[in-house]
Amino acid sequence: MPHIENNTMELILLCGAGLLLLFAGYRLGRMIAGIRAAKTIAAKEQELFTAQKGFKTLYEQELGTAKAEVAKLKEEVATLTQRVDEYRKKAAGYGGLFSSGGKRADAMYALLLENEALEEALYSQNEKLRQERTDSLKDQLRATSYRRVLMSQLMNDERIKAYVAEILDEKALPRPDNHVAALPAGDAKTDE
């Protein structure tokens, strides 16, 4: 190992070389950490991209399935509509009465269509009336409940009790105990 006669100078050179080595190590460590971080980020991005691609594929498959099902249902609706129309025409000419296919069969077909429209209107009107009856019943129940609470509060008021006592004559009305005893055994009601 080379030696310098001046220990101070040798110490300064060694410190400088050590600082250079530390700086080089620091830079090398940062570079390696940056490469590792870039690899980790790239791996996570690839993983995310793969998951996103999988979700996109699944979404497209589900969308395709839904579109195919909608198309199938539309086709079924068209077929069923056509069959209903054929049944209407058959019913219009039912029994050979209107088998000639003339004006009578057309009139019967029109009557069948009108009858179906009237039935639909009647059904919707019945639903509307049912809803109105339900709403009316709820309103009546609410009003009855309110009246019951009001009557209960009135009957618990001392002034009202005093007025009722003044109006009623004890001789005119039997006592509640006598009334229960006077009723037949099957009609007696008890508060339990």
Protein backbone atom coordinates (compact mmCIF):
# COMPACT_ATOMS: atom_id res chain seq x y z
CA MET A 1 0.00 0.00 0.00
CA PRO A 2 1.42 3.41 -0.90
CA HIS A 3 2.30 5.70 1.92
CA ILE A 4 2.54 9.49 2.12
CA GLU A 5 5.02 11.02 4.53
CA ASN A 6 2.48 13.49 5.78
CA ASN A 7 -0.12 11.77 7.97
CA THR A 8 -2.54 14.65 7.70
CA MET A 9 -2.48 14.52 3.95
CA GLU A 10 -2.94 10.75 4.03
CA LEU A 11 -5.88 11.14 6.41
CA ILE A 12 -7.49 13.74 4.16
CA LEU A 13 -7.07 11.53 1.11
CA LEU A 14 -8.50 8.51 2.93
CA CYS A 15 -11.48 10.57 4.15
CA GLY A 16 -12.03 11.86 0.61
CA ALA A 17 -11.80 8.33 -0.81
CA GLY A 18 -14.23 7.12 1.89
CA LEU A 19 -16.65 9.92 1.08
CA LEU A 20 -16.42 9.06 -2.61
CA LEU A 21 -17.10 5.41 -1.81
CA LEU A 22 -20.08 6.37 0.41
CA PHE A 23 -21.47 8.66 -2.28
CA ALA A 24 -21.00 5.97 -4.96
CA GLY A 25 -22.68 3.39 -2.69
CA TYR A 26 -25.54 5.79 -1.98
CA ARG A 27 -26.07 6.45 -5.69
CA LEU A 28 -25.79 2.74 -6.53
CA GLY A 29 -28.35 1.92 -3.77
CA ARG A 30 -30.76 4.54 -5.07
CA MET A 31 -30.38 3.21 -8.58
CA ILE A 32 -31.04 -0.38 -7.46
CA ALA A 33 -34.05 0.73 -5.34
CA GLY A 34 -35.42 2.70 -8.31
CA ILE A 35 -35.11 -0.35 -10.56
CA ARG A 36 -36.85 -2.54 -7.95
CA ALA A 37 -39.63 0.03 -7.50
CA ALA A 38 -40.08 0.27 -11.25
CA LYS A 39 -40.33 -3.54 -11.49
CA THR A 40 -42.84 -3.64 -8.62
CA ILE A 41 -44.93 -0.88 -10.18
CA ALA A 42 -44.79 -2.61 -13.57
CA ALA A 43 -45.87 -5.92 -11.98
CA LYS A 44 -48.77 -4.23 -10.16
CA GLU A 45 -49.81 -2.40 -13.32
CA GLN A 46 -49.71 -5.67 -15.25
CA GLU A 47 -51.77 -7.35 -12.51
CA LEU A 48 -54.25 -4.48 -12.54
CA PHE A 49 -54.40 -4.54 -16.32
CA THR A 50 -55.00 -8.30 -16.27
CA ALA A 51 -57.81 -7.91 -13.71
CA GLN A 52 -59.30 -5.00 -15.66
CA LYS A 53 -59.08 -6.99 -18.86
CA GLY A 54 -60.80 -9.92 -17.13
CA PHE A 55 -63.58 -7.68 -15.85
CA LYS A 56 -64.00 -6.16 -19.29
CA THR A 57 -64.22 -9.62 -20.85
CA LEU A 58 -66.77 -10.70 -18.24
CA TYR A 59 -68.78 -7.51 -18.79
CA GLU A 60 -68.79 -8.03 -22.55
CA GLN A 61 -69.88 -11.66 -22.11
CA GLU A 62 -72.70 -10.67 -19.76
CA LEU A 63 -73.74 -7.88 -22.09
CA GLY A 64 -73.75 -10.27 -25.04
CA THR A 65 -75.79 -12.79 -23.07
CA ALA A 66 -78.29 -10.10 -22.05
CA LYS A 67 -78.61 -8.86 -25.64
CA ALA A 68 -79.13 -12.41 -26.90
CA GLU A 69 -81.78 -13.00 -24.24
CA VAL A 70 -83.55 -9.73 -25.13
CA ALA A 71 -83.54 -10.71 -28.80
CA LYS A 72 -84.89 -14.15 -27.92
CA LEU A 73 -87.65 -12.64 -25.76
CA LYS A 74 -88.60 -10.18 -28.50
CA GLU A 75 -88.84 -13.04 -30.94
CA GLU A 76 -91.02 -15.00 -28.51
CA VAL A 77 -93.26 -11.97 -27.99
CA ALA A 78 -93.65 -11.56 -31.73
CA THR A 79 -94.47 -15.26 -32.12
CA LEU A 80 -96.97 -15.19 -29.26
CA THR A 81 -98.58 -12.03 -30.61
CA GLN A 82 -98.96 -13.69 -33.98
CA ARG A 83 -100.48 -16.80 -32.37
CA VAL A 84 -102.92 -14.68 -30.34
CA ASP A 85 -103.94 -12.91 -33.53
CA GLU A 86 -104.48 -16.29 -35.24
CA TYR A 87 -106.56 -17.49 -32.29
CA ARG A 88 -108.65 -14.32 -32.47
CA LYS A 89 -109.29 -14.96 -36.16
CA LYS A 90 -110.18 -18.58 -35.44
CA ALA A 91 -112.49 -17.51 -32.64
CA ALA A 92 -114.11 -14.98 -34.95
CA GLY A 93 -114.97 -17.79 -37.37
CA TYR A 94 -115.69 -20.35 -34.63
CA GLY A 95 -118.31 -23.00 -35.20
CA GLY A 96 -118.63 -22.48 -38.90
CA LEU A 97 -120.97 -19.56 -38.34
CA PHE A 98 -118.61 -17.10 -39.97
CA SER A 99 -116.36 -19.48 -41.88
CA SER A 100 -116.81 -17.64 -45.13
CA GLY A 101 -114.24 -15.08 -43.95
CA GLY A 102 -116.40 -12.20 -44.99
CA LYS A 103 -117.75 -9.21 -43.16
CA ARG A 104 -119.22 -11.27 -40.34
CA ALA A 105 -115.86 -12.85 -39.44
CA ASP A 106 -114.19 -9.43 -39.59
CA ALA A 107 -116.90 -7.98 -37.37
CA MET A 108 -116.50 -10.82 -34.88
CA TYR A 109 -112.73 -10.27 -34.89
CA ALA A 110 -113.22 -6.56 -34.21
CA LEU A 111 -115.61 -7.41 -31.37
CA LEU A 112 -113.04 -9.74 -29.85
CA LEU A 113 -110.40 -6.99 -29.98
CA GLU A 114 -112.81 -4.50 -28.45
CA ASN A 115 -113.71 -7.01 -25.74
CA GLU A 116 -110.03 -7.47 -24.86
CA ALA A 117 -109.52 -3.70 -24.71
CA LEU A 118 -112.58 -3.34 -22.47
CA GLU A 119 -111.34 -6.10 -20.18
CA GLU A 120 -107.97 -4.36 -19.85
CA ALA A 121 -109.69 -1.04 -19.10
CA LEU A 122 -111.96 -2.75 -16.57
CA TYR A 123 -108.97 -4.37 -14.88
CA SER A 124 -107.10 -1.07 -14.63
CA GLN A 125 -110.23 0.66 -13.29
CA ASN A 126 -110.70 -2.09 -10.70
CA GLU A 127 -107.08 -1.69 -9.62
CA LYS A 128 -107.58 2.06 -9.30
CA LEU A 129 -110.78 1.61 -7.28
CA ARG A 130 -109.11 -1.00 -5.07
CA GLN A 131 -106.32 1.44 -4.32
CA GLU A 132 -108.83 4.19 -3.58
CA ARG A 133 -110.76 1.87 -1.23
CA THR A 134 -107.56 0.94 0.55
CA ASP A 135 -106.60 4.58 0.97
CA SER A 136 -110.09 5.45 2.20
CA LEU A 137 -110.02 2.60 4.71
CA LYS A 138 -106.62 3.74 5.99
CA ASP A 139 -107.98 7.28 6.40
CA GLN A 140 -111.03 5.97 8.29
CA LEU A 141 -108.85 3.86 10.58
CA ARG A 142 -106.61 6.85 11.26
CA ALA A 143 -109.66 9.03 12.05
CA THR A 144 -111.15 6.36 14.31
CA SER A 145 -107.89 6.02 16.18
CA TYR A 146 -107.75 9.79 16.63
CA ARG A 147 -111.34 9.85 17.93
CA ARG A 148 -110.61 7.02 20.37
CA VAL A 149 -107.61 8.87 21.79
CA LEU A 150 -109.63 12.07 22.02
CA MET A 151 -112.52 10.34 23.80
CA SER A 152 -110.09 8.66 26.19
CA GLN A 153 -108.54 12.00 27.08
CA LEU A 154 -111.96 13.60 27.51
CA MET A 155 -113.22 10.81 29.75
CA ASN A 156 -110.14 11.11 31.98
CA ASP A 157 -110.74 14.82 32.57
CA GLU A 158 -112.13 15.46 36.08
CA ARG A 159 -114.52 18.19 34.90
CA ILE A 160 -116.09 15.85 32.36
CA LYS A 161 -116.45 13.16 35.00
CA ALA A 162 -118.20 15.66 37.27
CA TYR A 163 -120.59 16.72 34.48
CA VAL A 164 -121.42 13.10 33.68
CA ALA A 165 -122.03 12.39 37.36
CA GLU A 166 -124.42 15.37 37.59
CA ILE A 167 -126.35 14.30 34.50
CA LEU A 168 -126.67 10.64 35.32
CA ASP A 169 -128.87 9.63 38.14
CA GLU A 170 -127.58 6.57 39.98
CA LYS A 171 -131.15 5.34 40.47
CA ALA A 172 -131.88 5.50 36.74
CA LEU A 173 -128.95 3.33 35.72
CA PRO A 174 -128.01 0.04 37.34
CA ARG A 175 -124.54 -0.26 38.80
CA PRO A 176 -122.05 -2.15 36.65
CA ASP A 177 -121.74 -4.95 39.24
CA ASN A 178 -125.52 -5.55 39.25
CA HIS A 179 -125.63 -5.52 35.44
CA VAL A 180 -122.96 -8.23 35.10
CA ALA A 181 -124.69 -10.39 37.68
CA ALA A 182 -128.05 -10.02 35.90
CA LEU A 183 -126.72 -11.32 32.57
CA PRO A 184 -126.84 -15.05 31.78
CA ALA A 185 -123.58 -16.94 32.45
CA GLY A 186 -122.59 -17.11 28.74
CA ASP A 187 -123.09 -13.37 28.17
CA ALA A 188 -121.10 -12.08 31.14
CA LYS A 189 -117.93 -10.32 30.04
CA THR A 190 -115.00 -9.74 32.30
CA ASP A 191 -112.03 -7.41 31.87
CA GLU A 192 -108.94 -9.57 31.89
